[in-house]
Amino acid sequence: MWKLLHKLKSAMVYDADREFYSKVFPDSVEPRDLLRLRKMDHSDLPGVMAIETVNYEFPWTEGVFKDCFRAMNYTNWICEAPDETIAGYAIISVVAGEAHIMNISVNPAFQRQGVGRKMLEHLIEYARPRAETLFLEVRPSNPGAIHLYRSSGFREIGIRKNYYPAKNGKEDALMFALDLVPML
């Protein structure tokens, strides 16, 4: 049922010209422009878990993802390739004028192709009318993500000591923030 609804939704926002030109003139369309963002549903969990377990030494459990569906202030997103492969996923929480990126992860087959940036841009635009500031944490051992966040306008605001589980104990988290309301 959910797959059928997603296909109907995709059909309604389908860009025939972009799809046509991407096939006839492959260099005319950026691959990331063919990616679609949609709300995550329970049927996506096997694909999400496959990405989560390959990307992280200490992955979230399926139960954590199910809790994200139940939490009223969480919104869970899938970034989908034209062939319906899950290219990535992202989870954001918005409460009391603040937004927090809880998880953002890219399928290894799609890394370094703009998927992370596309999801991040989507989360920023999603949060903008709902929050004044967007926060996130990142491991210092993840320079690619740090570069993405800095190049997207996030600024480092602090450190959370012993935040992440690590092979030899705990790893700190760098805290980042992005102001969503223009400063006067």
Protein backbone atom coordinates (compact mmCIF):
# COMPACT_ATOMS: atom_id res chain seq x y z
CA MET A 1 0.00 0.00 0.00
CA TRP A 2 2.73 2.49 1.00
CA LYS A 3 4.77 1.73 -2.11
CA LEU A 4 1.71 2.40 -4.26
CA LEU A 5 1.10 5.73 -2.51
CA HIS A 6 4.75 6.72 -3.04
CA LYS A 7 4.51 5.83 -6.72
CA LEU A 8 1.35 7.91 -7.08
CA LYS A 9 2.98 10.82 -5.30
CA SER A 10 6.06 10.52 -7.50
CA ALA A 11 3.86 10.48 -10.60
CA MET A 12 2.26 13.73 -9.52
CA VAL A 13 5.63 15.48 -9.18
CA TYR A 14 7.23 13.70 -12.10
CA ASP A 15 9.28 15.95 -14.38
CA ALA A 16 9.01 14.31 -17.81
CA ASP A 17 11.33 16.82 -19.47
CA ARG A 18 14.11 16.27 -16.96
CA GLU A 19 13.73 12.49 -17.22
CA PHE A 20 13.70 12.64 -21.04
CA TYR A 21 16.75 14.88 -21.27
CA SER A 22 18.66 12.80 -18.76
CA LYS A 23 18.23 9.76 -21.05
CA VAL A 24 18.76 11.45 -24.40
CA PHE A 25 21.40 13.95 -23.26
CA PRO A 26 22.94 12.42 -20.12
CA ASP A 27 25.34 15.32 -19.57
CA SER A 28 22.50 17.86 -19.54
CA VAL A 29 21.21 16.85 -16.11
CA GLU A 30 23.14 16.46 -12.89
CA PRO A 31 22.54 13.01 -11.34
CA ARG A 32 21.58 14.62 -8.03
CA ASP A 33 18.78 16.50 -9.81
CA LEU A 34 17.09 13.15 -10.48
CA LEU A 35 17.03 12.25 -6.77
CA ARG A 36 13.70 12.57 -4.96
CA LEU A 37 13.09 13.25 -1.30
CA ARG A 38 10.05 11.74 0.35
CA LYS A 39 8.88 10.86 3.83
CA MET A 40 10.26 7.60 5.18
CA ASP A 41 7.83 4.81 6.04
CA HIS A 42 8.16 1.48 7.84
CA SER A 43 8.69 -0.41 4.58
CA ASP A 44 11.95 1.55 4.13
CA LEU A 45 13.49 0.19 7.34
CA PRO A 46 15.33 -2.81 5.80
CA GLY A 47 17.09 -0.52 3.30
CA VAL A 48 17.77 2.12 5.93
CA MET A 49 19.17 -0.49 8.33
CA ALA A 50 21.45 -1.87 5.60
CA ILE A 51 22.95 1.61 5.09
CA GLU A 52 23.11 2.32 8.82
CA THR A 53 25.00 -0.89 9.62
CA VAL A 54 27.53 -0.48 6.82
CA ASN A 55 28.18 3.21 7.57
CA TYR A 56 28.51 3.10 11.34
CA GLU A 57 30.53 0.98 13.72
CA PHE A 58 27.85 1.65 16.36
CA PRO A 59 24.62 1.85 14.30
CA TRP A 60 21.20 2.84 15.50
CA THR A 61 18.95 -0.16 16.10
CA GLU A 62 15.70 -0.76 14.26
CA GLY A 63 13.97 0.11 17.53
CA VAL A 64 15.54 3.58 17.52
CA PHE A 65 14.25 4.18 14.00
CA LYS A 66 10.79 2.96 15.03
CA ASP A 67 10.88 5.41 17.94
CA CYS A 68 11.60 8.18 15.41
CA PHE A 69 8.33 7.28 13.64
CA ARG A 70 6.43 7.53 16.93
CA ALA A 71 7.92 10.85 18.07
CA MET A 72 5.55 13.63 17.03
CA ASN A 73 8.30 16.20 16.52
CA TYR A 74 10.49 13.98 14.28
CA THR A 75 10.32 13.92 10.49
CA ASN A 76 12.07 11.08 8.67
CA TRP A 77 13.16 11.44 5.04
CA ILE A 78 14.35 9.13 2.27
CA CYS A 79 16.43 10.30 -0.68
CA GLU A 80 15.56 7.99 -3.54
CA ALA A 81 17.30 7.39 -6.89
CA PRO A 82 15.18 7.11 -10.06
CA ASP A 83 15.29 3.31 -9.77
CA GLU A 84 13.83 3.63 -6.22
CA THR A 85 17.13 2.66 -4.56
CA ILE A 86 17.56 4.41 -1.22
CA ALA A 87 20.44 6.82 -1.77
CA GLY A 88 20.28 8.14 1.78
CA TYR A 89 18.08 9.10 4.70
CA ALA A 90 17.79 11.90 7.19
CA ILE A 91 15.93 12.52 10.43
CA ILE A 92 15.16 15.93 11.87
CA SER A 93 13.47 17.03 15.09
CA VAL A 94 11.74 20.39 15.43
CA VAL A 95 10.61 21.61 18.87
CA ALA A 96 10.07 25.04 20.42
CA GLY A 97 11.73 27.04 17.66
CA GLU A 98 14.78 24.79 17.40
CA ALA A 99 15.55 22.10 14.84
CA HIS A 100 18.06 19.31 15.30
CA ILE A 101 19.44 16.97 12.65
CA MET A 102 19.39 13.62 14.39
CA ASN A 103 20.83 11.45 11.61
CA ILE A 104 21.89 11.91 8.02
CA SER A 105 23.49 9.06 6.13
CA VAL A 106 24.33 8.28 2.50
CA ASN A 107 24.32 4.85 0.88
CA PRO A 108 28.00 4.04 0.09
CA ALA A 109 27.09 3.51 -3.59
CA PHE A 110 25.96 7.17 -3.73
CA GLN A 111 28.64 8.86 -1.63
CA ARG A 112 30.51 11.83 -3.09
CA GLN A 113 27.71 12.47 -5.61
CA GLY A 114 25.89 15.32 -3.87
CA VAL A 115 23.34 13.18 -2.03
CA GLY A 116 24.38 14.40 1.42
CA ARG A 117 24.29 18.02 0.28
CA LYS A 118 20.86 17.56 -1.34
CA MET A 119 19.45 16.07 1.88
CA LEU A 120 21.07 18.77 4.02
CA GLU A 121 19.65 21.53 1.79
CA HIS A 122 16.24 19.89 2.07
CA LEU A 123 16.46 19.74 5.87
CA ILE A 124 17.49 23.39 6.04
CA GLU A 125 14.53 24.44 3.90
CA TYR A 126 12.21 22.18 5.89
CA ALA A 127 13.41 23.72 9.18
CA ARG A 128 13.53 27.36 8.03
CA PRO A 129 9.81 28.20 8.55
CA ARG A 130 9.62 26.09 11.71
CA ALA A 131 12.73 27.05 13.70
CA GLU A 132 15.17 29.85 14.35
CA THR A 133 18.27 27.66 14.62
CA LEU A 134 19.29 24.27 13.23
CA PHE A 135 21.70 22.19 15.32
CA LEU A 136 23.68 19.00 14.76
CA GLU A 137 26.54 16.99 16.18
CA VAL A 138 29.31 15.33 14.18
CA ARG A 139 32.28 13.16 14.99
CA PRO A 140 35.64 14.96 14.69
CA SER A 141 36.78 11.82 12.82
CA ASN A 142 34.31 12.61 9.98
CA PRO A 143 36.06 15.34 7.95
CA GLY A 144 33.75 14.94 4.93
CA ALA A 145 30.67 15.73 6.99
CA ILE A 146 32.44 18.61 8.77
CA HIS A 147 33.34 20.13 5.40
CA LEU A 148 29.74 19.73 4.17
CA TYR A 149 28.33 21.46 7.24
CA ARG A 150 30.84 24.33 7.19
CA SER A 151 30.39 24.89 3.47
CA SER A 152 26.61 25.02 4.07
CA GLY A 153 26.96 27.87 6.57
CA PHE A 154 27.03 25.97 9.87
CA ARG A 155 29.36 27.27 12.54
CA GLU A 156 31.02 25.27 15.29
CA ILE A 157 29.56 26.23 18.66
CA GLY A 158 31.07 23.73 21.09
CA ILE A 159 32.04 20.19 22.00
CA ARG A 160 30.03 17.45 23.70
CA LYS A 161 32.52 15.36 25.62
CA ASN A 162 32.29 11.56 25.30
CA TYR A 163 29.15 11.80 23.15
CA TYR A 164 29.62 8.96 20.67
CA PRO A 165 30.48 5.32 21.40
CA ALA A 166 33.90 4.42 19.97
CA LYS A 167 36.09 1.37 19.69
CA ASN A 168 38.26 2.52 22.60
CA GLY A 169 35.59 4.11 24.76
CA LYS A 170 33.94 7.37 23.69
CA GLU A 171 34.48 10.07 21.08
CA ASP A 172 33.60 13.74 21.50
CA ALA A 173 31.07 15.44 19.24
CA LEU A 174 31.55 18.77 17.54
CA MET A 175 28.40 20.86 17.89
CA PHE A 176 27.31 22.98 14.93
CA ALA A 177 24.53 25.53 14.47
CA LEU A 178 22.97 27.35 11.55
CA ASP A 179 20.88 30.49 12.07
CA LEU A 180 17.71 30.16 10.02
CA VAL A 181 16.36 33.63 10.77
CA PRO A 182 18.28 36.50 9.19
CA MET A 183 20.04 38.67 11.75
CA LEU A 184 18.96 42.34 11.71
